[in-house]
Amino acid sequence: MDAEGKISIGNNVSIAHHISILSSNHTWDDLSLPIQYNPMKKGKVIIEDDVWVGCGVRILSEVMVKSRSIIAAGSIVNKDVQSNTIVGGNSAKVLKNMELL
């Protein structure tokens, strides 16, 4: 976990192995500096209650994972995940919406 920004994890969250949660991002706006010396942009990641994060998932900065959702193994999450959904892929997309069943 990279908690240079803020990471918030709710109750009853299952997090599998080999995951990354990143709360910051590299910038490259200052052309007078090499990219590696540009400042970091701090952000946040919020994982609400009752979420299942599969193995090998990467959750990037400025993402909210809402309650009762599942992130499939190997996914890269760069957008918010709505409640009662299963997301997966690179970039993660909705695979199933449990509210529609």
Protein backbone atom coordinates (compact mmCIF):
# COMPACT_ATOMS: atom_id res chain seq x y z
CA MET A 1 0.00 0.00 0.00
CA ASP A 2 1.16 3.48 -0.84
CA ALA A 3 -0.50 5.75 1.69
CA GLU A 4 1.26 8.98 0.80
CA GLY A 5 -2.26 10.35 0.35
CA LYS A 6 -5.20 8.87 2.26
CA ILE A 7 -6.49 5.30 2.31
CA SER A 8 -9.71 4.44 4.14
CA ILE A 9 -10.89 0.83 4.45
CA GLY A 10 -14.30 0.00 5.93
CA ASN A 11 -15.53 -2.99 7.90
CA ASN A 12 -15.87 -6.55 6.60
CA VAL A 13 -13.54 -5.94 3.66
CA SER A 14 -11.76 -9.00 2.24
CA ILE A 15 -8.45 -8.18 0.57
CA ALA A 16 -6.58 -11.00 -1.17
CA HIS A 17 -2.81 -11.27 -1.67
CA HIS A 18 -0.58 -9.36 -4.12
CA ILE A 19 -2.73 -6.24 -4.28
CA SER A 20 -1.69 -2.59 -4.60
CA ILE A 21 -3.59 0.40 -3.29
CA LEU A 22 -2.04 3.67 -4.46
CA SER A 23 -3.11 7.00 -2.99
CA SER A 24 -0.71 9.19 -4.95
CA ASN A 25 0.29 9.81 -8.53
CA HIS A 26 3.40 11.03 -10.33
CA THR A 27 3.22 14.36 -12.12
CA TRP A 28 5.32 15.52 -15.03
CA ASP A 29 4.17 19.11 -15.54
CA ASP A 30 7.43 20.89 -14.65
CA LEU A 31 9.45 20.67 -17.86
CA SER A 32 12.54 22.10 -16.15
CA LEU A 33 12.86 18.95 -14.00
CA PRO A 34 13.36 15.32 -14.95
CA ILE A 35 10.09 13.41 -14.53
CA GLN A 36 11.42 11.51 -11.51
CA TYR A 37 11.87 14.82 -9.63
CA ASN A 38 8.44 16.25 -10.38
CA PRO A 39 6.22 16.40 -7.27
CA MET A 40 3.80 13.67 -6.28
CA LYS A 41 0.07 14.43 -6.31
CA LYS A 42 -1.55 13.10 -3.14
CA GLY A 43 -5.04 11.67 -3.48
CA LYS A 44 -7.29 9.25 -1.68
CA VAL A 45 -8.74 5.79 -1.95
CA ILE A 46 -11.92 4.92 -0.08
CA ILE A 47 -13.07 1.32 0.24
CA GLU A 48 -16.46 1.17 1.94
CA ASP A 49 -17.88 -1.72 4.01
CA ASP A 50 -18.50 -5.26 2.70
CA VAL A 51 -16.14 -5.28 -0.31
CA TRP A 52 -14.16 -8.19 -1.75
CA VAL A 53 -10.88 -7.34 -3.49
CA GLY A 54 -9.48 -10.27 -5.49
CA CYS A 55 -5.80 -11.21 -5.76
CA GLY A 56 -3.51 -9.12 -7.92
CA VAL A 57 -5.84 -6.09 -7.99
CA ARG A 58 -4.45 -2.58 -8.41
CA ILE A 59 -6.58 0.27 -7.05
CA LEU A 60 -5.33 3.66 -8.20
CA SER A 61 -5.59 7.08 -6.57
CA GLU A 62 -8.88 9.02 -6.43
CA VAL A 63 -11.08 5.90 -6.45
CA MET A 64 -14.05 5.06 -4.24
CA VAL A 65 -15.12 1.43 -4.01
CA LYS A 66 -18.68 1.48 -2.71
CA SER A 67 -20.26 -1.07 -0.39
CA ARG A 68 -21.09 -4.67 -1.29
CA SER A 69 -19.01 -4.76 -4.45
CA ILE A 70 -16.49 -7.27 -5.80
CA ILE A 71 -13.31 -6.53 -7.75
CA ALA A 72 -12.23 -9.54 -9.84
CA ALA A 73 -8.69 -10.86 -9.60
CA GLY A 74 -6.09 -9.06 -11.71
CA SER A 75 -8.20 -5.94 -12.27
CA ILE A 76 -6.90 -2.40 -12.48
CA VAL A 77 -9.38 0.03 -10.93
CA ASN A 78 -9.04 3.67 -12.03
CA LYS A 79 -12.69 4.76 -11.65
CA ASP A 80 -15.25 4.54 -8.86
CA VAL A 81 -16.97 1.20 -8.31
CA GLN A 82 -20.70 1.42 -7.59
CA SER A 83 -22.47 -0.56 -4.85
CA ASN A 84 -23.73 -4.06 -5.61
CA THR A 85 -21.55 -4.57 -8.69
CA ILE A 86 -18.84 -6.94 -9.82
CA VAL A 87 -16.08 -5.27 -11.83
CA GLY A 88 -13.12 -6.75 -13.63
CA GLY A 89 -10.50 -6.19 -16.29
CA ASN A 90 -7.92 -3.61 -17.29
CA SER A 91 -9.39 -0.99 -16.85
CA ALA A 92 -12.09 -2.48 -14.62
CA LYS A 93 -15.58 -2.48 -16.13
CA VAL A 94 -18.92 -3.62 -14.72
CA LEU A 95 -19.37 -7.35 -15.26
CA LYS A 96 -22.58 -7.77 -13.26
CA ASN A 97 -24.95 -5.49 -11.39
CA MET A 98 -26.49 -7.37 -8.48
CA GLU A 99 -29.36 -4.88 -8.13
CA LEU A 100 -30.77 -6.02 -11.48
CA LEU A 101 -31.20 -9.65 -10.39
